Amino acid sequence: KIDPLQLISSGALLISAEKNKSQKIVEKLEAEGIKASIIGEFIKDKEKRIIVRKNGKIEKLPRPKCDHLWIALER
């Protein structure tokens, strides 16, 4: 099974910005017809790197051991 959180995100674009400018960036992208959303924040404490699932469940976000794209290509 391929876990999308373990992919290198080929073809995806992430933008990092100062928190106070992020909403304005999203608005400008959407005005151009580009879907955008704020998905998280950078933190130093590795113990606090989490993902909140749609059902509200909180899980630690592990560092990928390998890119799952390679697993898919090997099949």
PDB file of N, CA and C in Angstrom:
ATOM      1  N   LYS A   1       0.849  -1.185   0.000  1.00  0.00           N
ATOM      2  CA  LYS A   1       0.000   0.000   0.000  1.00  0.00           C
ATOM      3  C   LYS A   1       0.890   1.243   0.000  1.00  0.00           C
ATOM      4  N   ILE A   2       0.542   2.187  -0.847  1.00  0.00           N
ATOM      5  CA  ILE A   2       1.313   3.428  -0.934  1.00  0.00           C
ATOM      6  C   ILE A   2       0.690   4.481  -0.020  1.00  0.00           C
ATOM      7  N   ASP A   3       1.506   5.054   0.829  1.00  0.00           N
ATOM      8  CA  ASP A   3       1.065   6.109   1.742  1.00  0.00           C
ATOM      9  C   ASP A   3       1.406   7.455   1.111  1.00  0.00           C
ATOM     10  N   PRO A   4       0.411   8.275   0.757  1.00  0.00           N
ATOM     11  CA  PRO A   4       0.701   9.558   0.113  1.00  0.00           C
ATOM     12  C   PRO A   4       1.565  10.489   0.965  1.00  0.00           C
ATOM     13  N   LEU A   5       1.585  10.282   2.278  1.00  0.00           N
ATOM     14  CA  LEU A   5       2.428  11.115   3.135  1.00  0.00           C
ATOM     15  C   LEU A   5       3.897  10.721   3.036  1.00  0.00           C
ATOM     16  N   GLN A   6       4.175   9.609   2.362  1.00  0.00           N
ATOM     17  CA  GLN A   6       5.547   9.142   2.198  1.00  0.00           C
ATOM     18  C   GLN A   6       6.071   9.414   0.789  1.00  0.00           C
ATOM     19  N   LEU A   7       5.337  10.193   0.001  1.00  0.00           N
ATOM     20  CA  LEU A   7       5.754  10.539  -1.358  1.00  0.00           C
ATOM     21  C   LEU A   7       6.540  11.841  -1.355  1.00  0.00           C
ATOM     22  N   ILE A   8       7.366  12.028  -2.383  1.00  0.00           N
ATOM     23  CA  ILE A   8       8.148  13.263  -2.482  1.00  0.00           C
ATOM     24  C   ILE A   8       7.335  14.407  -3.071  1.00  0.00           C
ATOM     25  N   SER A   9       6.118  14.134  -3.442  1.00  0.00           N
ATOM     26  CA  SER A   9       5.197  15.147  -3.961  1.00  0.00           C
ATOM     27  C   SER A   9       5.611  15.681  -5.323  1.00  0.00           C
ATOM     28  N   SER A  10       6.042  14.815  -6.201  1.00  0.00           N
ATOM     29  CA  SER A  10       6.377  15.232  -7.563  1.00  0.00           C
ATOM     30  C   SER A  10       5.163  15.903  -8.185  1.00  0.00           C
ATOM     31  N   GLY A  11       5.371  17.050  -8.770  1.00  0.00           N
ATOM     32  CA  GLY A  11       4.276  17.756  -9.418  1.00  0.00           C
ATOM     33  C   GLY A  11       3.471  18.642  -8.485  1.00  0.00           C
ATOM     34  N   ALA A  12       3.821  18.655  -7.209  1.00  0.00           N
ATOM     35  CA  ALA A  12       3.109  19.494  -6.247  1.00  0.00           C
ATOM     36  C   ALA A  12       3.931  20.751  -5.972  1.00  0.00           C
ATOM     37  N   LEU A  13       3.263  21.783  -5.551  1.00  0.00           N
ATOM     38  CA  LEU A  13       3.955  23.022  -5.217  1.00  0.00           C
ATOM     39  C   LEU A  13       3.576  23.429  -3.803  1.00  0.00           C
ATOM     40  N   LEU A  14       4.576  23.585  -2.968  1.00  0.00           N
ATOM     41  CA  LEU A  14       4.371  24.106  -1.623  1.00  0.00           C
ATOM     42  C   LEU A  14       5.022  25.473  -1.553  1.00  0.00           C
ATOM     43  N   ILE A  15       4.331  26.389  -0.922  1.00  0.00           N
ATOM     44  CA  ILE A  15       4.864  27.731  -0.735  1.00  0.00           C
ATOM     45  C   ILE A  15       4.997  27.956   0.765  1.00  0.00           C
ATOM     46  N   SER A  16       6.147  28.380   1.211  1.00  0.00           N
ATOM     47  CA  SER A  16       6.292  28.757   2.619  1.00  0.00           C
ATOM     48  C   SER A  16       6.294  30.280   2.686  1.00  0.00           C
ATOM     49  N   ALA A  17       5.580  30.789   3.679  1.00  0.00           N
ATOM     50  CA  ALA A  17       5.452  32.240   3.807  1.00  0.00           C
ATOM     51  C   ALA A  17       5.272  32.609   5.273  1.00  0.00           C
ATOM     52  N   GLU A  18       5.510  33.862   5.568  1.00  0.00           N
ATOM     53  CA  GLU A  18       5.257  34.348   6.919  1.00  0.00           C
ATOM     54  C   GLU A  18       3.766  34.206   7.206  1.00  0.00           C
ATOM     55  N   LYS A  19       3.455  33.827   8.440  1.00  0.00           N
ATOM     56  CA  LYS A  19       2.071  33.550   8.821  1.00  0.00           C
ATOM     57  C   LYS A  19       1.129  34.716   8.503  1.00  0.00           C
ATOM     58  N   ASN A  20       1.588  35.940   8.714  1.00  0.00           N
ATOM     59  CA  ASN A  20       0.717  37.103   8.499  1.00  0.00           C
ATOM     60  C   ASN A  20       0.483  37.415   7.022  1.00  0.00           C
ATOM     61  N   LYS A  21       1.194  36.727   6.115  1.00  0.00           N
ATOM     62  CA  LYS A  21       1.014  36.956   4.679  1.00  0.00           C
ATOM     63  C   LYS A  21       0.340  35.779   3.979  1.00  0.00           C
ATOM     64  N   SER A  22       0.163  34.684   4.686  1.00  0.00           N
ATOM     65  CA  SER A  22      -0.302  33.452   4.046  1.00  0.00           C
ATOM     66  C   SER A  22      -1.717  33.556   3.474  1.00  0.00           C
ATOM     67  N   GLN A  23      -2.639  34.166   4.191  1.00  0.00           N
ATOM     68  CA  GLN A  23      -4.013  34.259   3.696  1.00  0.00           C
ATOM     69  C   GLN A  23      -4.087  35.101   2.425  1.00  0.00           C
ATOM     70  N   LYS A  24      -3.320  36.168   2.364  1.00  0.00           N
ATOM     71  CA  LYS A  24      -3.288  37.031   1.170  1.00  0.00           C
ATOM     72  C   LYS A  24      -2.766  36.250  -0.039  1.00  0.00           C
ATOM     73  N   ILE A  25      -1.773  35.398   0.170  1.00  0.00           N
ATOM     74  CA  ILE A  25      -1.236  34.571  -0.918  1.00  0.00           C
ATOM     75  C   ILE A  25      -2.308  33.616  -1.425  1.00  0.00           C
ATOM     76  N   VAL A  26      -3.012  32.969  -0.511  1.00  0.00           N
ATOM     77  CA  VAL A  26      -4.091  32.056  -0.898  1.00  0.00           C
ATOM     78  C   VAL A  26      -5.142  32.806  -1.714  1.00  0.00           C
ATOM     79  N   GLU A  27      -5.534  33.974  -1.263  1.00  0.00           N
ATOM     80  CA  GLU A  27      -6.545  34.764  -1.974  1.00  0.00           C
ATOM     81  C   GLU A  27      -6.083  35.129  -3.382  1.00  0.00           C
ATOM     82  N   LYS A  28      -4.838  35.529  -3.533  1.00  0.00           N
ATOM     83  CA  LYS A  28      -4.320  35.898  -4.861  1.00  0.00           C
ATOM     84  C   LYS A  28      -4.262  34.688  -5.791  1.00  0.00           C
ATOM     85  N   LEU A  29      -3.844  33.537  -5.277  1.00  0.00           N
ATOM     86  CA  LEU A  29      -3.812  32.325  -6.095  1.00  0.00           C
ATOM     87  C   LEU A  29      -5.221  31.938  -6.538  1.00  0.00           C
ATOM     88  N   GLU A  30      -6.166  31.961  -5.615  1.00  0.00           N
ATOM     89  CA  GLU A  30      -7.540  31.592  -5.948  1.00  0.00           C
ATOM     90  C   GLU A  30      -8.160  32.575  -6.931  1.00  0.00           C
ATOM     91  N   ALA A  31      -7.776  33.845  -6.859  1.00  0.00           N
ATOM     92  CA  ALA A  31      -8.269  34.840  -7.822  1.00  0.00           C
ATOM     93  C   ALA A  31      -7.801  34.507  -9.238  1.00  0.00           C
ATOM     94  N   GLU A  32      -6.701  33.769  -9.343  1.00  0.00           N
ATOM     95  CA  GLU A  32      -6.176  33.328 -10.643  1.00  0.00           C
ATOM     96  C   GLU A  32      -6.684  31.935 -11.019  1.00  0.00           C
ATOM     97  N   GLY A  33      -7.619  31.414 -10.224  1.00  0.00           N
ATOM     98  CA  GLY A  33      -8.185  30.099 -10.519  1.00  0.00           C
ATOM     99  C   GLY A  33      -7.335  28.934 -10.039  1.00  0.00           C
ATOM    100  N   ILE A  34      -6.412  29.195  -9.124  1.00  0.00           N
ATOM    101  CA  ILE A  34      -5.531  28.154  -8.588  1.00  0.00           C
ATOM    102  C   ILE A  34      -6.003  27.794  -7.184  1.00  0.00           C
ATOM    103  N   LYS A  35      -6.349  26.520  -6.988  1.00  0.00           N
ATOM    104  CA  LYS A  35      -6.768  26.080  -5.659  1.00  0.00           C
ATOM    105  C   LYS A  35      -5.584  26.163  -4.709  1.00  0.00           C
ATOM    106  N   ALA A  36      -5.819  26.696  -3.523  1.00  0.00           N
ATOM    107  CA  ALA A  36      -4.752  26.838  -2.537  1.00  0.00           C
ATOM    108  C   ALA A  36      -5.339  26.759  -1.137  1.00  0.00           C
ATOM    109  N   SER A  37      -4.534  26.303  -0.208  1.00  0.00           N
ATOM    110  CA  SER A  37      -4.961  26.279   1.189  1.00  0.00           C
ATOM    111  C   SER A  37      -3.744  26.290   2.098  1.00  0.00           C
ATOM    112  N   ILE A  38      -3.970  26.689   3.320  1.00  0.00           N
ATOM    113  CA  ILE A  38      -2.925  26.684   4.343  1.00  0.00           C
ATOM    114  C   ILE A  38      -2.984  25.311   4.997  1.00  0.00           C
ATOM    115  N   ILE A  39      -1.842  24.617   5.005  1.00  0.00           N
ATOM    116  CA  ILE A  39      -1.857  23.230   5.476  1.00  0.00           C
ATOM    117  C   ILE A  39      -1.066  22.999   6.752  1.00  0.00           C
ATOM    118  N   GLY A  40      -0.344  23.975   7.234  1.00  0.00           N
ATOM    119  CA  GLY A  40       0.435  23.739   8.447  1.00  0.00           C
ATOM    120  C   GLY A  40       1.394  24.866   8.734  1.00  0.00           C
ATOM    121  N   GLU A  41       2.342  24.571   9.595  1.00  0.00           N
ATOM    122  CA  GLU A  41       3.341  25.557   9.963  1.00  0.00           C
ATOM    123  C   GLU A  41       4.657  24.850  10.266  1.00  0.00           C
ATOM    124  N   PHE A  42       5.753  25.573  10.146  1.00  0.00           N
ATOM    125  CA  PHE A  42       7.069  25.030  10.466  1.00  0.00           C
ATOM    126  C   PHE A  42       7.304  25.139  11.964  1.00  0.00           C
ATOM    127  N   ILE A  43       7.801  24.057  12.548  1.00  0.00           N
ATOM    128  CA  ILE A  43       8.144  24.062  13.968  1.00  0.00           C
ATOM    129  C   ILE A  43       9.490  23.377  14.156  1.00  0.00           C
ATOM    130  N   LYS A  44      10.196  23.720  15.215  1.00  0.00           N
ATOM    131  CA  LYS A  44      11.507  23.127  15.487  1.00  0.00           C
ATOM    132  C   LYS A  44      11.396  21.822  16.264  1.00  0.00           C
ATOM    133  N   ASP A  45      10.445  21.737  17.179  1.00  0.00           N
ATOM    134  CA  ASP A  45      10.319  20.572  18.058  1.00  0.00           C
ATOM    135  C   ASP A  45       9.783  19.365  17.288  1.00  0.00           C
ATOM    136  N   LYS A  46      10.649  18.378  17.030  1.00  0.00           N
ATOM    137  CA  LYS A  46      10.260  17.196  16.259  1.00  0.00           C
ATOM    138  C   LYS A  46       9.131  16.413  16.922  1.00  0.00           C
ATOM    139  N   GLU A  47       9.027  16.480  18.243  1.00  0.00           N
ATOM    140  CA  GLU A  47       7.980  15.749  18.959  1.00  0.00           C
ATOM    141  C   GLU A  47       6.592  16.326  18.692  1.00  0.00           C
ATOM    142  N   LYS A  48       6.527  17.547  18.206  1.00  0.00           N
ATOM    143  CA  LYS A  48       5.240  18.191  17.957  1.00  0.00           C
ATOM    144  C   LYS A  48       4.831  18.142  16.490  1.00  0.00           C
ATOM    145  N   ARG A  49       5.604  17.427  15.652  1.00  0.00           N
ATOM    146  CA  ARG A  49       5.250  17.294  14.235  1.00  0.00           C
ATOM    147  C   ARG A  49       4.148  16.256  14.117  1.00  0.00           C
ATOM    148  N   ILE A  50       2.950  16.744  13.852  1.00  0.00           N
ATOM    149  CA  ILE A  50       1.769  15.878  13.846  1.00  0.00           C
ATOM    150  C   ILE A  50       0.941  16.107  12.587  1.00  0.00           C
ATOM    151  N   ILE A  51       0.004  15.207  12.393  1.00  0.00           N
ATOM    152  CA  ILE A  51      -1.007  15.381  11.355  1.00  0.00           C
ATOM    153  C   ILE A  51      -2.358  15.201  12.040  1.00  0.00           C
ATOM    154  N   VAL A  52      -3.298  16.048  11.692  1.00  0.00           N
ATOM    155  CA  VAL A  52      -4.655  15.930  12.218  1.00  0.00           C
ATOM    156  C   VAL A  52      -5.506  15.379  11.087  1.00  0.00           C
ATOM    157  N   ARG A  53      -6.032  14.179  11.277  1.00  0.00           N
ATOM    158  CA  ARG A  53      -6.849  13.522  10.258  1.00  0.00           C
ATOM    159  C   ARG A  53      -8.219  14.193  10.165  1.00  0.00           C
ATOM    160  N   LYS A  54      -8.943  13.913   9.077  1.00  0.00           N
ATOM    161  CA  LYS A  54     -10.272  14.508   8.878  1.00  0.00           C
ATOM    162  C   LYS A  54     -11.221  14.172  10.021  1.00  0.00           C
ATOM    163  N   ASN A  55     -11.025  12.997  10.637  1.00  0.00           N
ATOM    164  CA  ASN A  55     -11.894  12.596  11.745  1.00  0.00           C
ATOM    165  C   ASN A  55     -11.449  13.204  13.076  1.00  0.00           C
ATOM    166  N   GLY A  56     -10.400  14.037  13.042  1.00  0.00           N
ATOM    167  CA  GLY A  56      -9.914  14.701  14.240  1.00  0.00           C
ATOM    168  C   GLY A  56      -8.811  13.947  14.968  1.00  0.00           C
ATOM    169  N   LYS A  57      -8.510  12.731  14.530  1.00  0.00           N
ATOM    170  CA  LYS A  57      -7.468  11.929  15.169  1.00  0.00           C
ATOM    171  C   LYS A  57      -6.106  12.577  14.931  1.00  0.00           C
ATOM    172  N   ILE A  58      -5.304  12.660  15.983  1.00  0.00           N
ATOM    173  CA  ILE A  58      -3.975  13.257  15.902  1.00  0.00           C
ATOM    174  C   ILE A  58      -2.935  12.141  15.911  1.00  0.00           C
ATOM    175  N   GLU A  59      -1.998  12.198  14.949  1.00  0.00           N
ATOM    176  CA  GLU A  59      -0.940  11.196  14.855  1.00  0.00           C
ATOM    177  C   GLU A  59       0.395  11.899  14.671  1.00  0.00           C
ATOM    178  N   LYS A  60       1.471  11.256  15.170  1.00  0.00           N
ATOM    179  CA  LYS A  60       2.811  11.772  14.893  1.00  0.00           C
ATOM    180  C   LYS A  60       3.085  11.604  13.412  1.00  0.00           C
ATOM    181  N   LEU A  61       3.783  12.552  12.833  1.00  0.00           N
ATOM    182  CA  LEU A  61       4.127  12.509  11.418  1.00  0.00           C
ATOM    183  C   LEU A  61       5.555  11.983  11.301  1.00  0.00           C
ATOM    184  N   PRO A  62       5.693  10.710  10.907  1.00  0.00           N
ATOM    185  CA  PRO A  62       7.046  10.133  10.845  1.00  0.00           C
ATOM    186  C   PRO A  62       7.826  10.640   9.641  1.00  0.00           C
ATOM    187  N   ARG A  63       9.130  10.614   9.760  1.00  0.00           N
ATOM    188  CA  ARG A  63       9.996  10.960   8.632  1.00  0.00           C
ATOM    189  C   ARG A  63      10.022   9.752   7.697  1.00  0.00           C
ATOM    190  N   PRO A  64       9.795   9.955   6.406  1.00  0.00           N
ATOM    191  CA  PRO A  64       9.790   8.822   5.467  1.00  0.00           C
ATOM    192  C   PRO A  64      11.131   8.092   5.450  1.00  0.00           C
ATOM    193  N   LYS A  65      11.057   6.742   5.422  1.00  0.00           N
ATOM    194  CA  LYS A  65      12.276   5.934   5.320  1.00  0.00           C
ATOM    195  C   LYS A  65      12.713   5.847   3.865  1.00  0.00           C
ATOM    196  N   CYS A  66      11.740   5.802   2.965  1.00  0.00           N
ATOM    197  CA  CYS A  66      12.022   5.823   1.531  1.00  0.00           C
ATOM    198  C   CYS A  66      10.812   6.444   0.839  1.00  0.00           C
ATOM    199  N   ASP A  67      11.000   6.890  -0.369  1.00  0.00           N
ATOM    200  CA  ASP A  67       9.919   7.501  -1.133  1.00  0.00           C
ATOM    201  C   ASP A  67       9.011   6.398  -1.672  1.00  0.00           C
ATOM    202  N   HIS A  68       7.748   6.438  -1.340  1.00  0.00           N
ATOM    203  CA  HIS A  68       6.813   5.406  -1.785  1.00  0.00           C
ATOM    204  C   HIS A  68       6.593   5.414  -3.294  1.00  0.00           C
ATOM    205  N   LEU A  69       7.022   6.470  -3.972  1.00  0.00           N
ATOM    206  CA  LEU A  69       6.968   6.472  -5.430  1.00  0.00           C
ATOM    207  C   LEU A  69       7.823   5.334  -5.975  1.00  0.00           C
ATOM    208  N   TRP A  70       8.975   5.093  -5.370  1.00  0.00           N
ATOM    209  CA  TRP A  70       9.855   4.002  -5.821  1.00  0.00           C
ATOM    210  C   TRP A  70       9.195   2.651  -5.593  1.00  0.00           C
ATOM    211  N   ILE A  71       8.439   2.520  -4.527  1.00  0.00           N
ATOM    212  CA  ILE A  71       7.718   1.268  -4.275  1.00  0.00           C
ATOM    213  C   ILE A  71       6.725   1.024  -5.404  1.00  0.00           C
ATOM    214  N   ALA A  72       6.011   2.067  -5.806  1.00  0.00           N
ATOM    215  CA  ALA A  72       5.027   1.928  -6.891  1.00  0.00           C
ATOM    216  C   ALA A  72       5.716   1.581  -8.206  1.00  0.00           C
ATOM    217  N   LEU A  73       6.849   2.195  -8.476  1.00  0.00           N
ATOM    218  CA  LEU A  73       7.554   1.953  -9.734  1.00  0.00           C
ATOM    219  C   LEU A  73       8.163   0.555  -9.800  1.00  0.00           C
ATOM    220  N   GLU A  74       8.477  -0.027  -8.650  1.00  0.00           N
ATOM    221  CA  GLU A  74       9.052  -1.371  -8.624  1.00  0.00           C
ATOM    222  C   GLU A  74       8.024  -2.448  -8.933  1.00  0.00           C
ATOM    223  N   ARG A  75       6.743  -2.132  -8.820  1.00  0.00           N
ATOM    224  CA  ARG A  75       5.680  -3.130  -9.040  1.00  0.00           C
ATOM    225  C   ARG A  75       5.474  -3.413 -10.491  1.00  0.00           C
TER     226      ARG A  75
END
